[in-house]
C-alpha atoms as a PDB file:
ATOM      1  CA  MET A   1    -186.945 -58.626 -69.010  1.00  0.00           C
ATOM      2  CA  THR A   2    -183.847 -58.553 -66.803  1.00  0.00           C
ATOM      3  CA  ALA A   3    -180.719 -56.389 -66.887  1.00  0.00           C
ATOM      4  CA  ASP A   4    -178.373 -56.805 -69.849  1.00  0.00           C
ATOM      5  CA  GLY A   5    -175.489 -59.089 -68.963  1.00  0.00           C
ATOM      6  CA  PHE A   6    -177.052 -60.428 -65.766  1.00  0.00           C
ATOM      7  CA  ILE A   7    -176.562 -64.173 -65.294  1.00  0.00           C
ATOM      8  CA  CYS A   8    -178.130 -65.688 -62.205  1.00  0.00           C
ATOM      9  CA  LYS A   9    -175.542 -67.686 -60.244  1.00  0.00           C
ATOM     10  CA  ARG A  10    -178.211 -69.210 -57.982  1.00  0.00           C
ATOM     11  CA  CYS A  11    -176.485 -67.875 -54.883  1.00  0.00           C
ATOM     12  CA  GLY A  12    -179.875 -67.096 -53.276  1.00  0.00           C
ATOM     13  CA  ARG A  13    -178.735 -63.775 -51.869  1.00  0.00           C
ATOM     14  CA  CYS A  14    -181.503 -61.703 -53.465  1.00  0.00           C
ATOM     15  CA  CYS A  15    -184.285 -63.877 -52.069  1.00  0.00           C
ATOM     16  CA  SER A  16    -182.832 -64.858 -48.710  1.00  0.00           C
ATOM     17  CA  GLY A  17    -183.363 -61.485 -47.045  1.00  0.00           C
ATOM     18  CA  LYS A  18    -179.648 -60.678 -46.903  1.00  0.00           C
ATOM     19  CA  GLY A  19    -179.923 -57.437 -48.882  1.00  0.00           C
ATOM     20  CA  ASP A  20    -182.264 -54.590 -49.665  1.00  0.00           C
ATOM     21  CA  PHE A  21    -184.114 -56.341 -52.499  1.00  0.00           C
ATOM     22  CA  ASP A  22    -187.763 -56.298 -51.509  1.00  0.00           C
ATOM     23  CA  PHE A  23    -189.435 -59.346 -52.988  1.00  0.00           C
ATOM     24  CA  HIS A  24    -192.799 -58.465 -51.447  1.00  0.00           C
ATOM     25  CA  GLY A  25    -195.337 -56.733 -53.624  1.00  0.00           C
ATOM     26  CA  SER A  26    -198.645 -56.801 -55.382  1.00  0.00           C
ATOM     27  CA  VAL A  27    -200.029 -58.189 -58.609  1.00  0.00           C
ATOM     28  CA  SER A  28    -203.138 -57.222 -60.512  1.00  0.00           C
ATOM     29  CA  THR A  29    -206.089 -59.582 -60.533  1.00  0.00           C
ATOM     30  CA  GLU A  30    -205.198 -60.448 -64.129  1.00  0.00           C
ATOM     31  CA  GLU A  31    -201.605 -61.350 -63.129  1.00  0.00           C
ATOM     32  CA  TYR A  32    -202.926 -63.347 -60.173  1.00  0.00           C
ATOM     33  CA  LYS A  33    -205.199 -65.339 -62.495  1.00  0.00           C
ATOM     34  CA  GLU A  34    -202.224 -66.134 -64.762  1.00  0.00           C
ATOM     35  CA  ILE A  35    -200.189 -67.350 -61.788  1.00  0.00           C
ATOM     36  CA  ALA A  36    -203.178 -69.313 -60.458  1.00  0.00           C
ATOM     37  CA  GLU A  37    -203.429 -71.279 -63.713  1.00  0.00           C
ATOM     38  CA  THR A  38    -200.216 -73.179 -62.926  1.00  0.00           C
ATOM     39  CA  ALA A  39    -199.492 -72.546 -59.248  1.00  0.00           C
ATOM     40  CA  PRO A  40    -200.272 -75.214 -56.657  1.00  0.00           C
ATOM     41  CA  LYS A  41    -202.836 -74.290 -53.989  1.00  0.00           C
ATOM     42  CA  HIS A  42    -200.191 -74.110 -51.251  1.00  0.00           C
ATOM     43  CA  VAL A  43    -198.541 -71.283 -53.231  1.00  0.00           C
ATOM     44  CA  LEU A  44    -201.787 -69.380 -53.724  1.00  0.00           C
ATOM     45  CA  ARG A  45    -202.347 -69.314 -49.953  1.00  0.00           C
ATOM     46  CA  TRP A  46    -199.460 -66.798 -49.826  1.00  0.00           C
ATOM     47  CA  PHE A  47    -201.519 -64.274 -51.846  1.00  0.00           C
ATOM     48  CA  SER A  48    -204.007 -61.986 -50.159  1.00  0.00           C
ATOM     49  CA  LYS A  49    -206.767 -60.030 -51.939  1.00  0.00           C
ATOM     50  CA  LEU A  50    -206.445 -56.322 -51.248  1.00  0.00           C
ATOM     51  CA  PRO A  51    -209.617 -54.510 -50.213  1.00  0.00           C
ATOM     52  CA  TYR A  52    -210.904 -51.667 -52.371  1.00  0.00           C
ATOM     53  CA  ILE A  53    -208.481 -52.212 -55.291  1.00  0.00           C
ATOM     54  CA  ASP A  54    -208.128 -54.792 -58.024  1.00  0.00           C
ATOM     55  CA  ALA A  55    -204.925 -56.412 -56.749  1.00  0.00           C
ATOM     56  CA  TYR A  56    -203.382 -59.075 -54.533  1.00  0.00           C
ATOM     57  CA  ASP A  57    -200.447 -58.805 -52.131  1.00  0.00           C
ATOM     58  CA  TYR A  58    -198.068 -61.734 -52.256  1.00  0.00           C
ATOM     59  CA  PHE A  59    -195.607 -63.247 -49.845  1.00  0.00           C
ATOM     60  CA  ILE A  60    -198.051 -62.834 -46.976  1.00  0.00           C
ATOM     61  CA  SER A  61    -197.721 -65.709 -44.534  1.00  0.00           C
ATOM     62  CA  PRO A  62    -201.022 -67.616 -44.410  1.00  0.00           C
ATOM     63  CA  ARG A  63    -200.328 -68.517 -40.759  1.00  0.00           C
ATOM     64  CA  ALA A  64    -198.946 -65.281 -39.317  1.00  0.00           C
ATOM     65  CA  GLY A  65    -200.507 -62.787 -41.738  1.00  0.00           C
ATOM     66  CA  ASN A  66    -197.238 -60.895 -42.173  1.00  0.00           C
ATOM     67  CA  GLU A  67    -194.406 -60.651 -44.699  1.00  0.00           C
ATOM     68  CA  PRO A  68    -191.620 -63.217 -44.202  1.00  0.00           C
ATOM     69  CA  THR A  69    -188.001 -62.050 -44.076  1.00  0.00           C
ATOM     70  CA  ARG A  70    -186.973 -64.508 -46.801  1.00  0.00           C
ATOM     71  CA  CYS A  71    -188.734 -66.093 -49.735  1.00  0.00           C
ATOM     72  CA  PRO A  72    -190.651 -69.165 -48.571  1.00  0.00           C
ATOM     73  CA  TRP A  73    -189.955 -70.966 -51.870  1.00  0.00           C
ATOM     74  CA  LEU A  74    -186.173 -70.583 -51.912  1.00  0.00           C
ATOM     75  CA  LYS A  75    -184.582 -73.976 -51.319  1.00  0.00           C
ATOM     76  CA  LYS A  76    -180.965 -75.136 -51.345  1.00  0.00           C
ATOM     77  CA  LYS A  77    -180.157 -78.121 -53.523  1.00  0.00           C
ATOM     78  CA  ASP A  78    -176.675 -79.441 -54.314  1.00  0.00           C
ATOM     79  CA  GLY A  79    -175.055 -76.238 -53.005  1.00  0.00           C
ATOM     80  CA  LEU A  80    -177.173 -73.918 -55.163  1.00  0.00           C
ATOM     81  CA  TYR A  81    -180.439 -72.172 -54.459  1.00  0.00           C
ATOM     82  CA  VAL A  82    -183.507 -72.917 -56.517  1.00  0.00           C
ATOM     83  CA  CYS A  83    -186.927 -71.346 -56.766  1.00  0.00           C
ATOM     84  CA  VAL A  84    -189.407 -74.166 -56.303  1.00  0.00           C
ATOM     85  CA  ILE A  85    -192.141 -72.078 -57.955  1.00  0.00           C
ATOM     86  CA  HIS A  86    -189.989 -70.894 -60.866  1.00  0.00           C
ATOM     87  CA  HIS A  87    -192.714 -71.815 -63.368  1.00  0.00           C
ATOM     88  CA  CYS A  88    -195.264 -69.512 -61.690  1.00  0.00           C
ATOM     89  CA  LYS A  89    -193.294 -66.969 -59.665  1.00  0.00           C
ATOM     90  CA  PRO A  90    -194.542 -63.363 -59.312  1.00  0.00           C
ATOM     91  CA  PRO A  91    -193.374 -60.658 -61.736  1.00  0.00           C
ATOM     92  CA  VAL A  92    -191.024 -58.958 -59.239  1.00  0.00           C
ATOM     93  CA  CYS A  93    -189.063 -62.214 -59.073  1.00  0.00           C
ATOM     94  CA  ASN A  94    -189.318 -63.005 -62.753  1.00  0.00           C
ATOM     95  CA  ASN A  95    -188.016 -59.555 -63.714  1.00  0.00           C
ATOM     96  CA  PHE A  96    -185.140 -59.286 -61.212  1.00  0.00           C
ATOM     97  CA  PRO A  97    -183.009 -57.359 -61.883  1.00  0.00           C
ATOM     98  CA  ILE A  98    -184.710 -54.786 -64.063  1.00  0.00           C
ATOM     99  CA  ASP A  99    -181.396 -52.995 -64.556  1.00  0.00           C
ATOM    100  CA  VAL A 100    -177.784 -52.997 -63.348  1.00  0.00           C
ATOM    101  CA  ASP A 101    -178.560 -50.294 -60.771  1.00  0.00           C
ATOM    102  CA  GLN A 102    -181.023 -52.604 -59.059  1.00  0.00           C
ATOM    103  CA  VAL A 103    -178.252 -55.175 -58.645  1.00  0.00           C
ATOM    104  CA  LEU A 104    -175.819 -52.558 -57.371  1.00  0.00           C
ATOM    105  CA  THR A 105    -178.274 -51.056 -54.881  1.00  0.00           C
ATOM    106  CA  ALA A 106    -179.787 -54.324 -53.627  1.00  0.00           C
ATOM    107  CA  SER A 107    -176.745 -54.730 -51.332  1.00  0.00           C
ATOM    108  CA  CYS A 108    -177.216 -58.479 -51.328  1.00  0.00           C
ATOM    109  CA  LYS A 109    -173.721 -59.058 -52.779  1.00  0.00           C
ATOM    110  CA  CYS A 110    -175.242 -60.459 -55.947  1.00  0.00           C
ATOM    111  CA  ARG A 111    -172.816 -62.430 -58.120  1.00  0.00           C
ATOM    112  CA  GLY A 112    -174.831 -62.099 -61.335  1.00  0.00           C
ATOM    113  CA  LEU A 113    -172.539 -59.457 -62.834  1.00  0.00           C
ATOM    114  CA  GLU A 114    -169.138 -60.884 -61.811  1.00  0.00           C
ATOM    115  CA  HIS A 115    -168.373 -62.010 -65.362  1.00  0.00           C
ATOM    116  CA  LEU A 116    -168.583 -58.343 -66.442  1.00  0.00           C
ATOM    117  CA  GLY A 117    -165.971 -57.349 -63.884  1.00  0.00           C
ATOM    118  CA  GLN A 118    -168.518 -55.904 -61.455  1.00  0.00           C
ATOM    119  CA  VAL A 119    -168.052 -57.680 -58.145  1.00  0.00           C
ATOM    120  CA  MET A 120    -170.473 -56.808 -55.385  1.00  0.00           C
ATOM    121  CA  LYS A 121    -168.834 -56.085 -52.051  1.00  0.00           C
END
């Protein structure tokens, strides 16, 4: 569930590495299996099984082995940004923002609350 009143404007700021929103994270094995049911194999290569715990890190570059500075699945189309894995994206993405404070502290100049009179600077 996302913050009350938040409407994504598809500006891409949260996922493009321009703010403090950290889209890297981990999912449980159960969450990974749910994502794997619909995600293409090229998406699953960006998940890495964590040793010693029942979880997977995601957004780990399969080539470099590190975290990218921007989401690899954020693409610009017709002047707006789209998530090309929207149907199977990780929970941290699906739940952004969890509350208004997360939008205000992400410092990505998110436009999702502009209609409420809260303009990010």
